[in-house]
């Protein structure tokens, strides 16, 4: 089964394709089929993911899955949330993973509470007007490390510390990360939904 991934993020594509492979699902990055991005005007992950999935399905005529994920920091009232990818730009930095890490370390410098959560919300639609989207949420509690650690992964991975493991996501091998990450959890839940709903 071919499904459009409503993202041009290569890191997300590789992670999700590896996990979906046992289902016989082929994920196709939307950028190989059309140009343009869906509007993401909402303040929740599920609404933005649904917007992206419907947009990709409408553009391609194929089923689509979208992921909206972000970092929710306790000390900031759950922000940056849906604005995670652009977090650093509000502090005058150019958008990049490295600048996002730098900005969050700077902004948390005076805070003793470094608790946060990474949330991944996957939404699947069979077509653009699907009245019954599949929704899977994965959440993992983390702490923001005081400095970057590790060289794997992408995004905020170098500072996302899982306290009980004593490692950041960037210190984990990909397969191990997938067992413990927010996206790993949402993907496993989505795989079960796909099996029971679309592939049955």
C-alpha atoms as a PDB file:
ATOM      1  CA  UNK A   1       0.000   0.000   0.000  1.00  0.00           C
ATOM      2  CA  UNK A   2       1.317   3.443  -0.924  1.00  0.00           C
ATOM      3  CA  UNK A   3       0.743   6.261   1.537  1.00  0.00           C
ATOM      4  CA  UNK A   4       1.888   9.851   1.191  1.00  0.00           C
ATOM      5  CA  UNK A   5       3.821  11.167   4.169  1.00  0.00           C
ATOM      6  CA  UNK A   6       2.693  14.761   4.547  1.00  0.00           C
ATOM      7  CA  UNK A   7       6.183  15.993   5.346  1.00  0.00           C
ATOM      8  CA  UNK A   8       9.446  16.821   3.616  1.00  0.00           C
ATOM      9  CA  UNK A   9      11.481  16.060   6.760  1.00  0.00           C
ATOM     10  CA  UNK A  10      13.922  13.305   5.770  1.00  0.00           C
ATOM     11  CA  UNK A  11      14.527  12.348   9.406  1.00  0.00           C
ATOM     12  CA  UNK A  12      10.822  11.693   9.929  1.00  0.00           C
ATOM     13  CA  UNK A  13      10.568   9.812   6.620  1.00  0.00           C
ATOM     14  CA  UNK A  14      13.442   7.455   7.491  1.00  0.00           C
ATOM     15  CA  UNK A  15      12.168   6.775  11.015  1.00  0.00           C
ATOM     16  CA  UNK A  16       8.594   6.136   9.931  1.00  0.00           C
ATOM     17  CA  UNK A  17       9.483   4.080   6.839  1.00  0.00           C
ATOM     18  CA  UNK A  18      11.668   1.768   8.913  1.00  0.00           C
ATOM     19  CA  UNK A  19       8.857   1.184  11.380  1.00  0.00           C
ATOM     20  CA  UNK A  20       6.072   0.814   8.794  1.00  0.00           C
ATOM     21  CA  UNK A  21       8.064  -1.599   6.581  1.00  0.00           C
ATOM     22  CA  UNK A  22       6.704  -4.794   8.226  1.00  0.00           C
ATOM     23  CA  UNK A  23       3.172  -3.768   7.204  1.00  0.00           C
ATOM     24  CA  UNK A  24       4.102  -3.686   3.525  1.00  0.00           C
ATOM     25  CA  UNK A  25       3.427   0.056   3.503  1.00  0.00           C
ATOM     26  CA  UNK A  26       5.519   2.307   1.264  1.00  0.00           C
ATOM     27  CA  UNK A  27       5.716   5.885   2.451  1.00  0.00           C
ATOM     28  CA  UNK A  28       6.242   8.517  -0.238  1.00  0.00           C
ATOM     29  CA  UNK A  29       7.441  11.969   0.781  1.00  0.00           C
ATOM     30  CA  UNK A  30       4.973  14.577  -0.445  1.00  0.00           C
ATOM     31  CA  UNK A  31       7.767  16.665  -1.970  1.00  0.00           C
ATOM     32  CA  UNK A  32       8.342  13.991  -4.639  1.00  0.00           C
ATOM     33  CA  UNK A  33       4.705  14.340  -5.768  1.00  0.00           C
ATOM     34  CA  UNK A  34       3.864  18.031  -5.437  1.00  0.00           C
ATOM     35  CA  UNK A  35       5.165  21.355  -4.172  1.00  0.00           C
ATOM     36  CA  UNK A  36       3.660  23.453  -1.441  1.00  0.00           C
ATOM     37  CA  UNK A  37       2.836  22.899   2.210  1.00  0.00           C
ATOM     38  CA  UNK A  38      -0.437  22.712   4.093  1.00  0.00           C
ATOM     39  CA  UNK A  39      -1.486  25.616   6.299  1.00  0.00           C
ATOM     40  CA  UNK A  40      -0.838  24.933   9.995  1.00  0.00           C
ATOM     41  CA  UNK A  41      -2.810  27.675  11.747  1.00  0.00           C
ATOM     42  CA  UNK A  42      -3.887  25.632  14.753  1.00  0.00           C
ATOM     43  CA  UNK A  43      -2.551  25.526  18.317  1.00  0.00           C
ATOM     44  CA  UNK A  44      -2.854  21.746  18.783  1.00  0.00           C
ATOM     45  CA  UNK A  45      -0.831  18.937  17.232  1.00  0.00           C
ATOM     46  CA  UNK A  46      -3.895  16.934  16.175  1.00  0.00           C
ATOM     47  CA  UNK A  47      -5.503  19.813  14.260  1.00  0.00           C
ATOM     48  CA  UNK A  48      -2.304  20.640  12.385  1.00  0.00           C
ATOM     49  CA  UNK A  49      -1.603  16.981  11.577  1.00  0.00           C
ATOM     50  CA  UNK A  50      -5.142  16.593  10.239  1.00  0.00           C
ATOM     51  CA  UNK A  51      -4.729  19.722   8.104  1.00  0.00           C
ATOM     52  CA  UNK A  52      -1.495  18.342   6.634  1.00  0.00           C
ATOM     53  CA  UNK A  53      -2.911  14.865   5.982  1.00  0.00           C
ATOM     54  CA  UNK A  54      -6.030  16.205   4.233  1.00  0.00           C
ATOM     55  CA  UNK A  55      -3.915  18.584   2.115  1.00  0.00           C
ATOM     56  CA  UNK A  56      -1.575  15.788   0.950  1.00  0.00           C
ATOM     57  CA  UNK A  57      -4.473  13.438   0.198  1.00  0.00           C
ATOM     58  CA  UNK A  58      -6.241  16.130  -1.810  1.00  0.00           C
ATOM     59  CA  UNK A  59      -3.105  16.935  -3.819  1.00  0.00           C
ATOM     60  CA  UNK A  60      -2.259  13.307  -4.611  1.00  0.00           C
ATOM     61  CA  UNK A  61      -5.457  11.267  -4.478  1.00  0.00           C
ATOM     62  CA  UNK A  62      -3.631   8.822  -2.207  1.00  0.00           C
ATOM     63  CA  UNK A  63      -4.113   7.993   1.473  1.00  0.00           C
ATOM     64  CA  UNK A  64      -1.952  10.247   3.611  1.00  0.00           C
ATOM     65  CA  UNK A  65      -0.348  10.212   7.025  1.00  0.00           C
ATOM     66  CA  UNK A  66       0.901  13.361   8.732  1.00  0.00           C
ATOM     67  CA  UNK A  67       2.908  13.834  11.888  1.00  0.00           C
ATOM     68  CA  UNK A  68       2.821  16.935  14.005  1.00  0.00           C
ATOM     69  CA  UNK A  69       5.250  16.767  16.852  1.00  0.00           C
ATOM     70  CA  UNK A  70       6.786  19.123  19.287  1.00  0.00           C
ATOM     71  CA  UNK A  71       8.443  19.892  22.552  1.00  0.00           C
ATOM     72  CA  UNK A  72       6.253  20.923  25.490  1.00  0.00           C
ATOM     73  CA  UNK A  73       8.324  22.476  28.289  1.00  0.00           C
ATOM     74  CA  UNK A  74       6.837  22.665  31.783  1.00  0.00           C
ATOM     75  CA  UNK A  75       8.566  25.926  32.682  1.00  0.00           C
ATOM     76  CA  UNK A  76       7.074  27.597  29.581  1.00  0.00           C
ATOM     77  CA  UNK A  77       3.490  26.434  30.124  1.00  0.00           C
ATOM     78  CA  UNK A  78       3.774  23.698  27.499  1.00  0.00           C
ATOM     79  CA  UNK A  79       5.368  25.860  24.825  1.00  0.00           C
ATOM     80  CA  UNK A  80       6.841  25.849  22.187  1.00  0.00           C
ATOM     81  CA  UNK A  81       4.376  23.081  21.263  1.00  0.00           C
ATOM     82  CA  UNK A  82       3.239  23.385  17.642  1.00  0.00           C
ATOM     83  CA  UNK A  83       5.874  26.085  17.018  1.00  0.00           C
ATOM     84  CA  UNK A  84       8.769  23.803  17.987  1.00  0.00           C
ATOM     85  CA  UNK A  85      10.388  23.721  14.528  1.00  0.00           C
ATOM     86  CA  UNK A  86      10.605  27.527  14.469  1.00  0.00           C
ATOM     87  CA  UNK A  87      11.405  27.974  18.163  1.00  0.00           C
ATOM     88  CA  UNK A  88      14.742  29.733  17.683  1.00  0.00           C
ATOM     89  CA  UNK A  89      13.413  32.306  15.196  1.00  0.00           C
ATOM     90  CA  UNK A  90      11.591  34.233  17.943  1.00  0.00           C
ATOM     91  CA  UNK A  91      15.010  34.945  19.481  1.00  0.00           C
ATOM     92  CA  UNK A  92      16.589  36.238  16.282  1.00  0.00           C
ATOM     93  CA  UNK A  93      18.217  33.017  15.092  1.00  0.00           C
ATOM     94  CA  UNK A  94      17.873  31.471  11.649  1.00  0.00           C
ATOM     95  CA  UNK A  95      15.765  28.307  11.620  1.00  0.00           C
ATOM     96  CA  UNK A  96      17.955  25.253  12.184  1.00  0.00           C
ATOM     97  CA  UNK A  97      18.184  22.285  14.537  1.00  0.00           C
ATOM     98  CA  UNK A  98      21.409  23.599  16.064  1.00  0.00           C
ATOM     99  CA  UNK A  99      19.903  27.033  16.704  1.00  0.00           C
ATOM    100  CA  UNK A 100      16.800  25.490  18.261  1.00  0.00           C
ATOM    101  CA  UNK A 101      19.009  23.575  20.691  1.00  0.00           C
ATOM    102  CA  UNK A 102      21.023  26.708  21.442  1.00  0.00           C
ATOM    103  CA  UNK A 103      17.885  28.789  22.051  1.00  0.00           C
ATOM    104  CA  UNK A 104      16.246  26.291  24.409  1.00  0.00           C
ATOM    105  CA  UNK A 105      19.435  25.991  26.465  1.00  0.00           C
ATOM    106  CA  UNK A 106      19.668  29.779  26.710  1.00  0.00           C
ATOM    107  CA  UNK A 107      16.012  30.209  27.655  1.00  0.00           C
ATOM    108  CA  UNK A 108      16.152  27.492  30.322  1.00  0.00           C
ATOM    109  CA  UNK A 109      19.416  28.716  31.829  1.00  0.00           C
ATOM    110  CA  UNK A 110      17.698  30.321  34.832  1.00  0.00           C
ATOM    111  CA  UNK A 111      15.158  27.553  35.462  1.00  0.00           C
ATOM    112  CA  UNK A 112      15.538  24.670  37.899  1.00  0.00           C
ATOM    113  CA  UNK A 113      12.543  22.850  36.385  1.00  0.00           C
ATOM    114  CA  UNK A 114      13.854  21.189  33.221  1.00  0.00           C
ATOM    115  CA  UNK A 115      10.950  18.766  32.793  1.00  0.00           C
ATOM    116  CA  UNK A 116       9.343  18.534  29.379  1.00  0.00           C
ATOM    117  CA  UNK A 117       7.536  16.148  27.072  1.00  0.00           C
ATOM    118  CA  UNK A 118       7.987  15.259  23.449  1.00  0.00           C
ATOM    119  CA  UNK A 119       4.663  14.626  21.745  1.00  0.00           C
ATOM    120  CA  UNK A 120       4.028  13.062  18.349  1.00  0.00           C
ATOM    121  CA  UNK A 121       0.549  13.000  16.860  1.00  0.00           C
ATOM    122  CA  UNK A 122       0.051  10.924  13.720  1.00  0.00           C
ATOM    123  CA  UNK A 123      -3.116  11.340  11.683  1.00  0.00           C
ATOM    124  CA  UNK A 124      -4.083   9.174   8.732  1.00  0.00           C
ATOM    125  CA  UNK A 125      -6.810   9.794   6.149  1.00  0.00           C
ATOM    126  CA  UNK A 126      -7.934   7.533   3.308  1.00  0.00           C
ATOM    127  CA  UNK A 127      -8.901  10.574   1.242  1.00  0.00           C
ATOM    128  CA  UNK A 128      -9.157  14.323   1.736  1.00  0.00           C
ATOM    129  CA  UNK A 129     -12.706  14.225   3.113  1.00  0.00           C
ATOM    130  CA  UNK A 130     -12.305  11.106   5.255  1.00  0.00           C
ATOM    131  CA  UNK A 131     -14.814  11.475   8.127  1.00  0.00           C
ATOM    132  CA  UNK A 132     -12.949   8.937  10.259  1.00  0.00           C
ATOM    133  CA  UNK A 133      -9.268   9.863  10.466  1.00  0.00           C
ATOM    134  CA  UNK A 134      -6.931   7.550  12.323  1.00  0.00           C
ATOM    135  CA  UNK A 135      -5.301   9.360  15.262  1.00  0.00           C
ATOM    136  CA  UNK A 136      -2.367   8.043  17.268  1.00  0.00           C
ATOM    137  CA  UNK A 137      -0.543   9.991  19.981  1.00  0.00           C
ATOM    138  CA  UNK A 138       2.833   9.189  21.490  1.00  0.00           C
ATOM    139  CA  UNK A 139       4.209  11.076  24.484  1.00  0.00           C
ATOM    140  CA  UNK A 140       7.433  10.654  26.383  1.00  0.00           C
ATOM    141  CA  UNK A 141       8.551  12.528  29.488  1.00  0.00           C
ATOM    142  CA  UNK A 142      12.033  14.006  29.179  1.00  0.00           C
ATOM    143  CA  UNK A 143      14.303  16.495  30.852  1.00  0.00           C
ATOM    144  CA  UNK A 144      16.255  19.125  28.952  1.00  0.00           C
ATOM    145  CA  UNK A 145      19.948  18.338  29.363  1.00  0.00           C
ATOM    146  CA  UNK A 146      22.231  21.228  30.288  1.00  0.00           C
ATOM    147  CA  UNK A 147      24.362  20.680  27.175  1.00  0.00           C
ATOM    148  CA  UNK A 148      24.067  18.730  23.898  1.00  0.00           C
ATOM    149  CA  UNK A 149      25.038  15.049  24.051  1.00  0.00           C
ATOM    150  CA  UNK A 150      25.322  12.538  21.210  1.00  0.00           C
ATOM    151  CA  UNK A 151      25.440  12.757  17.431  1.00  0.00           C
ATOM    152  CA  UNK A 152      22.474  10.680  16.229  1.00  0.00           C
ATOM    153  CA  UNK A 153      18.961  11.804  15.377  1.00  0.00           C
ATOM    154  CA  UNK A 154      17.757  15.293  14.532  1.00  0.00           C
ATOM    155  CA  UNK A 155      15.876  18.245  15.995  1.00  0.00           C
ATOM    156  CA  UNK A 156      16.170  18.586  19.766  1.00  0.00           C
ATOM    157  CA  UNK A 157      17.505  15.009  20.180  1.00  0.00           C
ATOM    158  CA  UNK A 158      20.891  16.103  21.667  1.00  0.00           C
ATOM    159  CA  UNK A 159      19.190  17.704  24.695  1.00  0.00           C
ATOM    160  CA  UNK A 160      16.220  15.354  25.181  1.00  0.00           C
ATOM    161  CA  UNK A 161      17.302  13.280  28.154  1.00  0.00           C
ATOM    162  CA  UNK A 162      15.289  10.286  29.310  1.00  0.00           C
ATOM    163  CA  UNK A 163      16.175  10.269  33.033  1.00  0.00           C
ATOM    164  CA  UNK A 164      15.576   6.572  33.668  1.00  0.00           C
ATOM    165  CA  UNK A 165      17.880   5.630  30.769  1.00  0.00           C
ATOM    166  CA  UNK A 166      20.468   8.325  31.444  1.00  0.00           C
ATOM    167  CA  UNK A 167      20.737   9.023  27.704  1.00  0.00           C
ATOM    168  CA  UNK A 168      19.617  11.667  25.271  1.00  0.00           C
ATOM    169  CA  UNK A 169      17.871  10.583  22.079  1.00  0.00           C
ATOM    170  CA  UNK A 170      21.014  11.584  20.173  1.00  0.00           C
ATOM    171  CA  UNK A 171      23.034   9.056  22.202  1.00  0.00           C
ATOM    172  CA  UNK A 172      20.782   6.183  21.118  1.00  0.00           C
ATOM    173  CA  UNK A 173      21.038   3.953  18.084  1.00  0.00           C
ATOM    174  CA  UNK A 174      18.011   4.452  15.774  1.00  0.00           C
ATOM    175  CA  UNK A 175      16.324   1.131  16.585  1.00  0.00           C
ATOM    176  CA  UNK A 176      16.738   1.728  20.322  1.00  0.00           C
ATOM    177  CA  UNK A 177      15.454   5.279  19.996  1.00  0.00           C
ATOM    178  CA  UNK A 178      12.349   4.040  18.177  1.00  0.00           C
ATOM    179  CA  UNK A 179      11.524   1.838  21.180  1.00  0.00           C
ATOM    180  CA  UNK A 180      11.568   4.815  23.555  1.00  0.00           C
ATOM    181  CA  UNK A 181      10.667   7.920  21.541  1.00  0.00           C
ATOM    182  CA  UNK A 182       7.406   9.814  21.167  1.00  0.00           C
ATOM    183  CA  UNK A 183       7.365   9.044  17.435  1.00  0.00           C
ATOM    184  CA  UNK A 184       8.116   5.394  18.128  1.00  0.00           C
ATOM    185  CA  UNK A 185       5.108   5.218  20.433  1.00  0.00           C
ATOM    186  CA  UNK A 186       2.735   7.022  18.079  1.00  0.00           C
ATOM    187  CA  UNK A 187       3.938   4.900  15.152  1.00  0.00           C
ATOM    188  CA  UNK A 188       3.288   1.635  16.994  1.00  0.00           C
ATOM    189  CA  UNK A 189      -0.218   2.860  17.817  1.00  0.00           C
ATOM    190  CA  UNK A 190      -0.767   3.945  14.189  1.00  0.00           C
ATOM    191  CA  UNK A 191       0.447   0.562  12.925  1.00  0.00           C
ATOM    192  CA  UNK A 192      -2.245  -1.152  15.007  1.00  0.00           C
ATOM    193  CA  UNK A 193      -4.875   1.242  13.655  1.00  0.00           C
ATOM    194  CA  UNK A 194      -3.715   0.619  10.074  1.00  0.00           C
ATOM    195  CA  UNK A 195      -3.819  -3.142  10.576  1.00  0.00           C
ATOM    196  CA  UNK A 196      -7.342  -3.102  11.971  1.00  0.00           C
ATOM    197  CA  UNK A 197      -8.834  -0.343   9.800  1.00  0.00           C
ATOM    198  CA  UNK A 198      -7.105  -0.010   6.425  1.00  0.00           C
ATOM    199  CA  UNK A 199      -5.277  -3.289   5.893  1.00  0.00           C
ATOM    200  CA  UNK A 200      -7.827  -5.718   7.339  1.00  0.00           C
END
